Amino acid sequence: MSEIKTITPEEVKTQLSEGVNLHLIDVREDDEVAEDMIPKAVHIKMGEVPEHLDQLDKDKEYIIICRSGGRSGRVCEYLNEQGYNVTNMVGGMLEWTGPREPKL
């Protein structure tokens, strides 16, 4: 199995501030994202990822986010096995210092 790519919250914040169009997927539970998410992130709960595969494009790179990087790592492994280009945001929202907004 190929190695899962990782990115730090700081790198994500820098790329967003530079206007890079990132595809962010937050896999936390509803109550977690109700408080705050990275603006522009899409919320797909970890347990619901398999039924949302049709919404993902294998030609795009997705950055997967959770609270600390554990769940997102497992989602990355799963999506990687399905042929998707994914990167795990290590440290998760615990280490995120960029803008936050409640889930709309």
Protein backbone atom coordinates (compact mmCIF):
# COMPACT_ATOMS: atom_id res chain seq x y z
CA MET A 1 0.00 0.00 0.00
CA SER A 2 1.35 3.43 -0.84
CA GLU A 3 2.31 5.84 1.90
CA ILE A 4 -0.40 8.32 2.91
CA LYS A 5 0.68 11.91 2.23
CA THR A 6 0.46 14.37 5.10
CA ILE A 7 0.19 18.12 5.41
CA THR A 8 0.37 20.29 8.50
CA PRO A 9 -2.39 22.69 9.54
CA GLU A 10 0.14 25.50 9.07
CA GLU A 11 0.78 24.45 5.45
CA VAL A 12 -2.97 24.31 4.76
CA LYS A 13 -3.42 27.77 6.27
CA THR A 14 -0.56 29.18 4.17
CA GLN A 15 -1.90 27.68 0.94
CA LEU A 16 -5.42 28.98 1.64
CA SER A 17 -4.06 32.46 2.41
CA GLU A 18 -2.20 32.36 -0.92
CA GLY A 19 -5.45 31.61 -2.71
CA VAL A 20 -4.69 27.97 -3.53
CA ASN A 21 -7.94 26.12 -4.30
CA LEU A 22 -7.81 23.24 -1.82
CA HIS A 23 -10.43 20.51 -1.55
CA LEU A 24 -10.94 20.06 2.19
CA ILE A 25 -13.12 17.33 3.67
CA ASP A 26 -13.90 17.40 7.40
CA VAL A 27 -14.82 13.91 8.65
CA ARG A 28 -15.74 14.83 12.22
CA GLU A 29 -19.18 14.25 13.74
CA ASP A 30 -22.06 16.74 13.46
CA ASP A 31 -21.62 18.13 16.98
CA GLU A 32 -17.91 18.76 16.35
CA VAL A 33 -18.35 20.70 13.12
CA ALA A 34 -21.33 22.64 14.48
CA GLU A 35 -18.83 24.59 16.60
CA ASP A 36 -16.27 25.29 13.93
CA MET A 37 -14.85 24.21 10.61
CA ILE A 38 -12.25 25.55 8.22
CA PRO A 39 -14.13 27.85 5.82
CA LYS A 40 -14.76 26.10 2.47
CA ALA A 41 -14.32 22.61 3.98
CA VAL A 42 -16.98 20.07 3.05
CA HIS A 43 -18.45 18.00 5.88
CA ILE A 44 -18.74 14.25 5.29
CA LYS A 45 -18.83 12.23 8.51
CA MET A 46 -16.25 9.44 8.67
CA GLY A 47 -18.92 6.73 8.70
CA GLU A 48 -20.65 8.21 5.65
CA VAL A 49 -17.58 8.53 3.39
CA PRO A 50 -18.24 5.25 1.49
CA GLU A 51 -21.70 6.40 0.38
CA HIS A 52 -20.35 9.75 -0.84
CA LEU A 53 -17.66 8.38 -3.15
CA ASP A 54 -19.70 9.43 -6.19
CA GLN A 55 -19.22 13.07 -5.13
CA LEU A 56 -15.42 12.76 -5.19
CA ASP A 57 -13.25 13.20 -8.27
CA LYS A 58 -10.23 10.89 -8.61
CA ASP A 59 -8.44 13.66 -10.54
CA LYS A 60 -8.55 16.04 -7.57
CA GLU A 61 -6.49 15.97 -4.41
CA TYR A 62 -8.45 16.01 -1.15
CA ILE A 63 -7.16 17.05 2.25
CA ILE A 64 -8.92 15.08 4.97
CA ILE A 65 -9.45 16.72 8.37
CA CYS A 66 -10.62 15.56 11.79
CA ARG A 67 -10.02 16.64 15.39
CA SER A 68 -6.48 15.30 15.84
CA GLY A 69 -5.52 13.46 12.63
CA GLY A 70 -6.45 9.91 13.64
CA ARG A 71 -9.85 9.48 11.99
CA SER A 72 -8.72 11.45 8.95
CA GLY A 73 -5.75 9.08 8.66
CA ARG A 74 -8.09 6.08 8.53
CA VAL A 75 -10.31 7.81 5.97
CA CYS A 76 -7.20 8.57 3.90
CA GLU A 77 -6.20 4.89 3.97
CA TYR A 78 -9.67 3.87 2.82
CA LEU A 79 -9.89 6.48 0.03
CA ASN A 80 -6.33 5.72 -1.06
CA GLU A 81 -7.32 2.06 -1.48
CA GLN A 82 -10.26 3.20 -3.64
CA GLY A 83 -7.87 5.09 -5.92
CA TYR A 84 -8.39 8.63 -4.61
CA ASN A 85 -5.63 11.22 -4.20
CA VAL A 86 -5.79 12.12 -0.50
CA THR A 87 -3.63 13.88 2.07
CA ASN A 88 -4.08 13.73 5.84
CA MET A 89 -3.96 16.99 7.80
CA VAL A 90 -1.85 15.81 10.74
CA GLY A 91 -2.67 17.41 14.08
CA GLY A 92 -6.20 18.11 12.90
CA MET A 93 -8.33 20.94 14.19
CA LEU A 94 -6.52 20.81 17.54
CA GLU A 95 -3.53 22.43 15.83
CA TRP A 96 -5.48 24.62 13.38
CA THR A 97 -4.77 28.32 13.97
CA GLY A 98 -6.43 29.66 10.84
CA PRO A 99 -9.94 31.02 10.33
CA ARG A 100 -12.86 29.02 11.63
CA GLU A 101 -16.58 29.25 11.10
CA PRO A 102 -19.55 27.28 12.42
CA LYS A 103 -21.04 24.79 10.01
CA LEU A 104 -23.84 26.54 8.16
